[in-house]
Amino acid sequence: MDWLTYSNRYEIKYLVDSHRLAEIQRALEGFLVPDENGKGTNGYFNYSIYFDSPTYRFYNEKREGDLVRIKPRIRLYRNALDAPPKAVFMELKGRYNRIVTKRRALLGIDLARELLTDSTIPIDSQALQSSTMGEFCYLAHRFRLAPCVTVFYHRTAYFGAFYPGVRVTFDRLFRCSRQTTLENAEDSFVNAIPANQMVIELKYNEKAPEMLLRRFRSLGIQHSTFSKFAIALERTHDEIFAHKFLVA
């Protein structure tokens, strides 16, 4: 089964010192309500394994700033690194100029393991009824995709209290690993960004609420061009470090 998680969405990202988390959350209080799927303000952990070609096609699309690009990944949601996954999805996150879309299909844990071993394995007809899985299989065969990096971070998520379609997320403890299993050991991870930094994402449809944008500006934080996928690859793959994609 497919889920069109979102389409025609825009994202603004901010790279901020983590010690300002409580201050920023207080400043946005009243504009946001906690995402109850993340147990309110306790949040949850995102564990994503990205795929790329032997020549890092998708990474280079990002580094070159291509207007149309895609990132295939397997995403798990966990309460902790060593906790069993609450759900496992195949996701295709696309960007068309500034517009962001994400499609996903629920994966069984066994199929997820098989795809991490060989992304071109035959998929049964029932799974291929999913357009997301069908497109992933096409990409996997065409570009010889293989898992390349694991990204792991803690997320606290909120929805707009008065603005439908608005979502704000706070991502901390952003780590990455070149190992690409569903159970990477904790010591396989390194910090993708300094441990005292976090990523805030403002996500919205059509138009960001001006009152919310003014509140962000009043905090003195500037938006940043930031890709978790690109940063994680640069941190874990020496062969592309010389072409580092810089945070702006």
C-alpha atoms as a PDB file:
ATOM      1  CA  MET A   1       0.000   0.000   0.000  1.00  0.00           C
ATOM      2  CA  ASP A   2       1.225   3.502  -0.889  1.00  0.00           C
ATOM      3  CA  TRP A   3       0.994   6.643   1.177  1.00  0.00           C
ATOM      4  CA  LEU A   4       1.413  10.057  -0.436  1.00  0.00           C
ATOM      5  CA  THR A   5       2.868  11.493   2.745  1.00  0.00           C
ATOM      6  CA  TYR A   6       2.937  14.969   1.302  1.00  0.00           C
ATOM      7  CA  SER A   7       3.110  16.810  -1.995  1.00  0.00           C
ATOM      8  CA  ASN A   8       3.585  20.438  -2.968  1.00  0.00           C
ATOM      9  CA  ARG A   9       5.390  21.057   0.290  1.00  0.00           C
ATOM     10  CA  TYR A  10       8.138  23.571   0.962  1.00  0.00           C
ATOM     11  CA  GLU A  11      10.856  23.369   3.600  1.00  0.00           C
ATOM     12  CA  ILE A  12      12.945  25.972   5.402  1.00  0.00           C
ATOM     13  CA  LYS A  13      15.822  24.622   7.490  1.00  0.00           C
ATOM     14  CA  TYR A  14      17.743  26.258  10.324  1.00  0.00           C
ATOM     15  CA  LEU A  15      21.017  25.101  11.906  1.00  0.00           C
ATOM     16  CA  VAL A  16      20.969  26.223  15.549  1.00  0.00           C
ATOM     17  CA  ASP A  17      22.839  25.636  18.804  1.00  0.00           C
ATOM     18  CA  SER A  18      21.076  22.880  20.755  1.00  0.00           C
ATOM     19  CA  HIS A  19      21.214  24.850  24.013  1.00  0.00           C
ATOM     20  CA  ARG A  20      18.570  27.165  22.504  1.00  0.00           C
ATOM     21  CA  LEU A  21      16.006  24.368  22.161  1.00  0.00           C
ATOM     22  CA  ALA A  22      13.913  25.315  25.222  1.00  0.00           C
ATOM     23  CA  GLU A  23      14.116  29.032  24.353  1.00  0.00           C
ATOM     24  CA  ILE A  24      12.905  28.457  20.794  1.00  0.00           C
ATOM     25  CA  GLN A  25      10.150  26.086  21.869  1.00  0.00           C
ATOM     26  CA  ARG A  26       8.907  28.692  24.354  1.00  0.00           C
ATOM     27  CA  ALA A  27       8.959  31.371  21.659  1.00  0.00           C
ATOM     28  CA  LEU A  28       6.827  29.190  19.374  1.00  0.00           C
ATOM     29  CA  GLU A  29       4.442  28.143  22.127  1.00  0.00           C
ATOM     30  CA  GLY A  30       0.883  28.871  21.068  1.00  0.00           C
ATOM     31  CA  PHE A  31       1.734  28.511  17.378  1.00  0.00           C
ATOM     32  CA  LEU A  32       2.354  24.745  17.604  1.00  0.00           C
ATOM     33  CA  VAL A  33       0.860  21.587  19.082  1.00  0.00           C
ATOM     34  CA  PRO A  34       2.879  18.382  19.691  1.00  0.00           C
ATOM     35  CA  ASP A  35       2.651  15.491  17.240  1.00  0.00           C
ATOM     36  CA  GLU A  36       1.043  12.827  19.402  1.00  0.00           C
ATOM     37  CA  ASN A  37       2.616  10.064  17.282  1.00  0.00           C
ATOM     38  CA  GLY A  38       5.877  11.098  18.890  1.00  0.00           C
ATOM     39  CA  LYS A  39       4.512  10.820  22.436  1.00  0.00           C
ATOM     40  CA  GLY A  40       4.012  14.537  22.711  1.00  0.00           C
ATOM     41  CA  THR A  41       7.200  16.439  23.461  1.00  0.00           C
ATOM     42  CA  ASN A  42       9.254  13.278  24.132  1.00  0.00           C
ATOM     43  CA  GLY A  43       9.794  12.683  20.429  1.00  0.00           C
ATOM     44  CA  TYR A  44      11.127   9.608  18.664  1.00  0.00           C
ATOM     45  CA  PHE A  45      14.154   8.421  16.682  1.00  0.00           C
ATOM     46  CA  ASN A  46      14.415   8.379  12.883  1.00  0.00           C
ATOM     47  CA  TYR A  47      16.681   5.685  11.439  1.00  0.00           C
ATOM     48  CA  SER A  48      17.128   6.038   7.676  1.00  0.00           C
ATOM     49  CA  ILE A  49      19.257   4.006   5.266  1.00  0.00           C
ATOM     50  CA  TYR A  50      19.876   5.782   1.957  1.00  0.00           C
ATOM     51  CA  PHE A  51      20.597   4.188  -1.409  1.00  0.00           C
ATOM     52  CA  ASP A  52      22.818   5.553  -4.158  1.00  0.00           C
ATOM     53  CA  SER A  53      24.599   4.400  -7.301  1.00  0.00           C
ATOM     54  CA  PRO A  54      28.288   3.376  -7.464  1.00  0.00           C
ATOM     55  CA  THR A  55      29.062   6.864  -8.799  1.00  0.00           C
ATOM     56  CA  TYR A  56      26.922   8.639  -6.149  1.00  0.00           C
ATOM     57  CA  ARG A  57      24.371   9.864  -8.659  1.00  0.00           C
ATOM     58  CA  PHE A  58      21.857  11.158  -6.107  1.00  0.00           C
ATOM     59  CA  TYR A  59      24.526  12.802  -3.957  1.00  0.00           C
ATOM     60  CA  ASN A  60      25.913  14.606  -7.006  1.00  0.00           C
ATOM     61  CA  GLU A  61      22.416  15.780  -7.980  1.00  0.00           C
ATOM     62  CA  LYS A  62      22.239  17.446  -4.584  1.00  0.00           C
ATOM     63  CA  ARG A  63      25.774  18.821  -4.702  1.00  0.00           C
ATOM     64  CA  GLU A  64      25.216  20.287  -8.184  1.00  0.00           C
ATOM     65  CA  GLY A  65      21.870  21.769  -7.173  1.00  0.00           C
ATOM     66  CA  ASP A  66      19.808  19.949  -9.805  1.00  0.00           C
ATOM     67  CA  LEU A  67      16.251  21.260  -9.789  1.00  0.00           C
ATOM     68  CA  VAL A  68      14.764  17.760 -10.077  1.00  0.00           C
ATOM     69  CA  ARG A  69      16.175  15.056  -7.825  1.00  0.00           C
ATOM     70  CA  ILE A  70      15.180  12.074  -5.715  1.00  0.00           C
ATOM     71  CA  LYS A  71      16.439  10.193  -2.638  1.00  0.00           C
ATOM     72  CA  PRO A  72      15.433   6.546  -2.067  1.00  0.00           C
ATOM     73  CA  ARG A  73      15.661   5.336   1.519  1.00  0.00           C
ATOM     74  CA  ILE A  74      14.402   2.783   3.994  1.00  0.00           C
ATOM     75  CA  ARG A  75      13.088   4.556   7.092  1.00  0.00           C
ATOM     76  CA  LEU A  76      12.447   3.077  10.523  1.00  0.00           C
ATOM     77  CA  TYR A  77      10.887   4.715  13.562  1.00  0.00           C
ATOM     78  CA  ARG A  78      12.247   3.715  16.962  1.00  0.00           C
ATOM     79  CA  ASN A  79      11.959   4.755  20.590  1.00  0.00           C
ATOM     80  CA  ALA A  80      15.720   4.141  20.974  1.00  0.00           C
ATOM     81  CA  LEU A  81      18.623   2.844  18.860  1.00  0.00           C
ATOM     82  CA  ASP A  82      18.370  -0.633  20.386  1.00  0.00           C
ATOM     83  CA  ALA A  83      14.546  -0.726  20.365  1.00  0.00           C
ATOM     84  CA  PRO A  84      12.623  -2.761  17.786  1.00  0.00           C
ATOM     85  CA  PRO A  85      11.278  -0.680  14.888  1.00  0.00           C
ATOM     86  CA  LYS A  86       7.717   0.583  15.244  1.00  0.00           C
ATOM     87  CA  ALA A  87       7.335   0.672  11.458  1.00  0.00           C
ATOM     88  CA  VAL A  88       9.529   0.199   8.362  1.00  0.00           C
ATOM     89  CA  PHE A  89       8.916   2.053   5.093  1.00  0.00           C
ATOM     90  CA  MET A  90      10.426   2.418   1.648  1.00  0.00           C
ATOM     91  CA  GLU A  91      10.407   6.141   0.922  1.00  0.00           C
ATOM     92  CA  LEU A  92      11.060   8.184  -2.194  1.00  0.00           C
ATOM     93  CA  LYS A  93      11.680  11.821  -1.344  1.00  0.00           C
ATOM     94  CA  GLY A  94      11.664  14.034  -4.395  1.00  0.00           C
ATOM     95  CA  ARG A  95      12.359  17.689  -5.055  1.00  0.00           C
ATOM     96  CA  TYR A  96      11.107  19.680  -8.013  1.00  0.00           C
ATOM     97  CA  ASN A  97      12.796  23.058  -7.766  1.00  0.00           C
ATOM     98  CA  ARG A  98      11.629  24.201  -4.297  1.00  0.00           C
ATOM     99  CA  ILE A  99       8.674  21.806  -4.078  1.00  0.00           C
ATOM    100  CA  VAL A 100       9.172  18.674  -1.966  1.00  0.00           C
ATOM    101  CA  THR A 101       7.185  15.435  -2.195  1.00  0.00           C
ATOM    102  CA  LYS A 102       7.431  12.170  -0.307  1.00  0.00           C
ATOM    103  CA  ARG A 103       5.862   8.811  -1.119  1.00  0.00           C
ATOM    104  CA  ARG A 104       6.164   5.688   0.978  1.00  0.00           C
ATOM    105  CA  ALA A 105       5.206   2.025   1.094  1.00  0.00           C
ATOM    106  CA  LEU A 106       5.081  -0.154   4.182  1.00  0.00           C
ATOM    107  CA  LEU A 107       7.826  -2.801   4.168  1.00  0.00           C
ATOM    108  CA  GLY A 108       8.027  -6.097   5.984  1.00  0.00           C
ATOM    109  CA  ILE A 109      11.197  -6.428   8.025  1.00  0.00           C
ATOM    110  CA  ASP A 110      12.363  -9.456   5.998  1.00  0.00           C
ATOM    111  CA  LEU A 111      11.968  -7.647   2.671  1.00  0.00           C
ATOM    112  CA  ALA A 112      13.833  -4.643   4.068  1.00  0.00           C
ATOM    113  CA  ARG A 113      16.762  -6.890   5.010  1.00  0.00           C
ATOM    114  CA  GLU A 114      16.773  -8.486   1.559  1.00  0.00           C
ATOM    115  CA  LEU A 115      16.811  -5.122  -0.210  1.00  0.00           C
ATOM    116  CA  LEU A 116      19.761  -4.030   1.910  1.00  0.00           C
ATOM    117  CA  THR A 117      21.609  -7.152   0.766  1.00  0.00           C
ATOM    118  CA  ASP A 118      20.615  -6.825  -2.900  1.00  0.00           C
ATOM    119  CA  SER A 119      18.356  -4.013  -4.067  1.00  0.00           C
ATOM    120  CA  THR A 120      17.685  -5.792  -7.388  1.00  0.00           C
ATOM    121  CA  ILE A 121      16.192  -8.971  -5.953  1.00  0.00           C
ATOM    122  CA  PRO A 122      12.893 -10.081  -7.519  1.00  0.00           C
ATOM    123  CA  ILE A 123       9.939  -8.518  -5.702  1.00  0.00           C
ATOM    124  CA  ASP A 124       6.700 -10.458  -5.419  1.00  0.00           C
ATOM    125  CA  SER A 125       3.709  -9.249  -7.412  1.00  0.00           C
ATOM    126  CA  GLN A 126       1.813  -8.072  -4.342  1.00  0.00           C
ATOM    127  CA  ALA A 127       4.618  -5.705  -3.307  1.00  0.00           C
ATOM    128  CA  LEU A 128       4.880  -4.424  -6.880  1.00  0.00           C
ATOM    129  CA  GLN A 129       1.275  -3.248  -6.721  1.00  0.00           C
ATOM    130  CA  SER A 130       2.814  -0.346  -4.828  1.00  0.00           C
ATOM    131  CA  SER A 131       3.889   2.416  -7.211  1.00  0.00           C
ATOM    132  CA  THR A 132       6.586   3.410  -4.707  1.00  0.00           C
ATOM    133  CA  MET A 133       8.096  -0.075  -4.765  1.00  0.00           C
ATOM    134  CA  GLY A 134       7.750  -0.263  -8.540  1.00  0.00           C
ATOM    135  CA  GLU A 135       9.684   2.982  -8.964  1.00  0.00           C
ATOM    136  CA  PHE A 136      12.316   1.913  -6.462  1.00  0.00           C
ATOM    137  CA  CYS A 137      12.854  -1.353  -8.364  1.00  0.00           C
ATOM    138  CA  TYR A 138      13.210   0.599 -11.611  1.00  0.00           C
ATOM    139  CA  LEU A 139      15.791   2.925 -10.041  1.00  0.00           C
ATOM    140  CA  ALA A 140      17.620   0.020  -8.392  1.00  0.00           C
ATOM    141  CA  HIS A 141      18.044  -1.846 -11.685  1.00  0.00           C
ATOM    142  CA  ARG A 142      18.821   1.199 -13.802  1.00  0.00           C
ATOM    143  CA  PHE A 143      21.424   2.721 -11.493  1.00  0.00           C
ATOM    144  CA  ARG A 144      22.644  -0.416  -9.637  1.00  0.00           C
ATOM    145  CA  LEU A 145      21.613   1.050  -6.309  1.00  0.00           C
ATOM    146  CA  ALA A 146      23.092  -0.117  -3.036  1.00  0.00           C
ATOM    147  CA  PRO A 147      22.687   1.137   0.531  1.00  0.00           C
ATOM    148  CA  CYS A 148      25.390   3.706   1.236  1.00  0.00           C
ATOM    149  CA  VAL A 149      24.812   5.441   4.583  1.00  0.00           C
ATOM    150  CA  THR A 150      22.672   5.271   7.717  1.00  0.00           C
ATOM    151  CA  VAL A 151      21.370   8.418   9.396  1.00  0.00           C
ATOM    152  CA  PHE A 152      20.063   8.415  12.967  1.00  0.00           C
ATOM    153  CA  TYR A 153      18.677  11.316  14.996  1.00  0.00           C
ATOM    154  CA  HIS A 154      16.116  12.256  17.627  1.00  0.00           C
ATOM    155  CA  ARG A 155      13.082  14.214  16.428  1.00  0.00           C
ATOM    156  CA  THR A 156      10.492  16.251  18.275  1.00  0.00           C
ATOM    157  CA  ALA A 157       7.655  17.192  15.946  1.00  0.00           C
ATOM    158  CA  TYR A 158       4.840  19.731  16.080  1.00  0.00           C
ATOM    159  CA  PHE A 159       1.911  20.734  13.911  1.00  0.00           C
ATOM    160  CA  GLY A 160       0.619  24.261  13.373  1.00  0.00           C
ATOM    161  CA  ALA A 161      -2.027  25.145  15.941  1.00  0.00           C
ATOM    162  CA  PHE A 162      -3.848  27.467  13.532  1.00  0.00           C
ATOM    163  CA  TYR A 163      -2.202  26.702  10.195  1.00  0.00           C
ATOM    164  CA  PRO A 164      -3.226  23.498   8.367  1.00  0.00           C
ATOM    165  CA  GLY A 165      -0.286  21.829   6.679  1.00  0.00           C
ATOM    166  CA  VAL A 166       2.376  23.474   8.851  1.00  0.00           C
ATOM    167  CA  ARG A 167       4.847  21.186  10.621  1.00  0.00           C
ATOM    168  CA  VAL A 168       7.945  22.107  12.633  1.00  0.00           C
ATOM    169  CA  THR A 169      10.547  19.520  13.637  1.00  0.00           C
ATOM    170  CA  PHE A 170      13.563  19.711  15.950  1.00  0.00           C
ATOM    171  CA  ASP A 171      16.267  17.153  15.068  1.00  0.00           C
ATOM    172  CA  ARG A 172      19.090  16.554  17.545  1.00  0.00           C
ATOM    173  CA  LEU A 173      21.862  14.004  18.154  1.00  0.00           C
ATOM    174  CA  PHE A 174      22.369  13.764  14.403  1.00  0.00           C
ATOM    175  CA  ARG A 175      24.686  10.812  13.744  1.00  0.00           C
ATOM    176  CA  CYS A 176      25.636   8.688  10.748  1.00  0.00           C
ATOM    177  CA  SER A 177      27.314   5.390   9.903  1.00  0.00           C
ATOM    178  CA  ARG A 178      28.738   3.754   6.797  1.00  0.00           C
ATOM    179  CA  GLN A 179      27.268   0.484   8.030  1.00  0.00           C
ATOM    180  CA  THR A 180      23.852  -0.129   6.503  1.00  0.00           C
ATOM    181  CA  THR A 181      22.041  -2.759   8.527  1.00  0.00           C
ATOM    182  CA  LEU A 182      18.804  -2.455  10.463  1.00  0.00           C
ATOM    183  CA  GLU A 183      20.754  -2.982  13.707  1.00  0.00           C
ATOM    184  CA  ASN A 184      23.915  -0.889  13.474  1.00  0.00           C
ATOM    185  CA  ALA A 185      25.942  -0.942  16.671  1.00  0.00           C
ATOM    186  CA  GLU A 186      26.058   2.366  18.537  1.00  0.00           C
ATOM    187  CA  ASP A 187      29.842   2.561  18.211  1.00  0.00           C
ATOM    188  CA  SER A 188      29.533   2.478  14.402  1.00  0.00           C
ATOM    189  CA  PHE A 189      28.026   5.997  14.428  1.00  0.00           C
ATOM    190  CA  VAL A 190      29.869   9.311  14.331  1.00  0.00           C
ATOM    191  CA  ASN A 191      28.477  12.805  14.767  1.00  0.00           C
ATOM    192  CA  ALA A 192      27.343  14.168  11.395  1.00  0.00           C
ATOM    193  CA  ILE A 193      27.375  17.713  12.788  1.00  0.00           C
ATOM    194  CA  PRO A 194      28.751  18.962  16.108  1.00  0.00           C
ATOM    195  CA  ALA A 195      26.859  17.453  19.042  1.00  0.00           C
ATOM    196  CA  ASN A 196      25.876  20.938  20.261  1.00  0.00           C
ATOM    197  CA  GLN A 197      23.931  21.715  17.075  1.00  0.00           C
ATOM    198  CA  MET A 198      20.409  20.825  15.942  1.00  0.00           C
ATOM    199  CA  VAL A 199      18.381  21.166  12.759  1.00  0.00           C
ATOM    200  CA  ILE A 200      14.976  22.876  12.798  1.00  0.00           C
ATOM    201  CA  GLU A 201      12.721  22.369   9.794  1.00  0.00           C
ATOM    202  CA  LEU A 202       9.672  24.479   8.997  1.00  0.00           C
ATOM    203  CA  LYS A 203       7.472  22.612   6.506  1.00  0.00           C
ATOM    204  CA  TYR A 204       4.414  24.116   4.888  1.00  0.00           C
ATOM    205  CA  ASN A 205       2.087  23.953   1.892  1.00  0.00           C
ATOM    206  CA  GLU A 206       1.802  26.834  -0.556  1.00  0.00           C
ATOM    207  CA  LYS A 207       2.765  29.718   1.775  1.00  0.00           C
ATOM    208  CA  ALA A 208       4.490  29.929   5.150  1.00  0.00           C
ATOM    209  CA  PRO A 209       2.452  31.858   7.751  1.00  0.00           C
ATOM    210  CA  GLU A 210       3.991  35.325   8.040  1.00  0.00           C
ATOM    211  CA  MET A 211       3.439  35.465  11.817  1.00  0.00           C
ATOM    212  CA  LEU A 212       5.447  32.273  12.237  1.00  0.00           C
ATOM    213  CA  LEU A 213       8.229  33.523   9.961  1.00  0.00           C
ATOM    214  CA  ARG A 214       8.412  36.765  11.969  1.00  0.00           C
ATOM    215  CA  ARG A 215       8.753  34.767  15.160  1.00  0.00           C
ATOM    216  CA  PHE A 216      11.666  32.806  13.689  1.00  0.00           C
ATOM    217  CA  ARG A 217      13.325  36.040  12.546  1.00  0.00           C
ATOM    218  CA  SER A 218      12.873  37.559  16.002  1.00  0.00           C
ATOM    219  CA  LEU A 219      14.979  34.711  17.386  1.00  0.00           C
ATOM    220  CA  GLY A 220      17.879  35.798  15.198  1.00  0.00           C
ATOM    221  CA  ILE A 221      18.256  32.481  13.392  1.00  0.00           C
ATOM    222  CA  GLN A 222      18.953  32.286   9.680  1.00  0.00           C
ATOM    223  CA  HIS A 223      17.813  29.571   7.319  1.00  0.00           C
ATOM    224  CA  SER A 224      20.413  27.139   5.987  1.00  0.00           C
ATOM    225  CA  THR A 225      20.884  24.934   2.934  1.00  0.00           C
ATOM    226  CA  PHE A 226      21.224  21.586   4.633  1.00  0.00           C
ATOM    227  CA  SER A 227      20.959  17.966   3.480  1.00  0.00           C
ATOM    228  CA  LYS A 228      21.178  15.191   6.064  1.00  0.00           C
ATOM    229  CA  PHE A 229      21.927  12.724   3.262  1.00  0.00           C
ATOM    230  CA  ALA A 230      24.773  14.792   1.788  1.00  0.00           C
ATOM    231  CA  ILE A 231      26.336  15.664   5.148  1.00  0.00           C
ATOM    232  CA  ALA A 232      26.220  12.017   6.255  1.00  0.00           C
ATOM    233  CA  LEU A 233      27.888  10.803   3.050  1.00  0.00           C
ATOM    234  CA  GLU A 234      30.654  13.386   3.353  1.00  0.00           C
ATOM    235  CA  ARG A 235      31.254  12.420   6.960  1.00  0.00           C
ATOM    236  CA  THR A 236      31.487   8.685   6.276  1.00  0.00           C
ATOM    237  CA  HIS A 237      32.873   8.349   2.725  1.00  0.00           C
ATOM    238  CA  ASP A 238      36.476   9.464   2.340  1.00  0.00           C
ATOM    239  CA  GLU A 239      36.282   9.087  -1.450  1.00  0.00           C
ATOM    240  CA  ILE A 240      33.845  11.998  -1.783  1.00  0.00           C
ATOM    241  CA  PHE A 241      35.113  14.164   1.074  1.00  0.00           C
ATOM    242  CA  ALA A 242      37.264  16.165  -1.348  1.00  0.00           C
ATOM    243  CA  HIS A 243      34.053  17.330  -3.030  1.00  0.00           C
ATOM    244  CA  LYS A 244      32.418  18.322   0.220  1.00  0.00           C
ATOM    245  CA  PHE A 245      28.950  19.861   0.003  1.00  0.00           C
ATOM    246  CA  LEU A 246      29.208  22.876   2.308  1.00  0.00           C
ATOM    247  CA  VAL A 247      26.445  24.055   4.624  1.00  0.00           C
ATOM    248  CA  ALA A 248      25.537  27.593   3.572  1.00  0.00           C
END
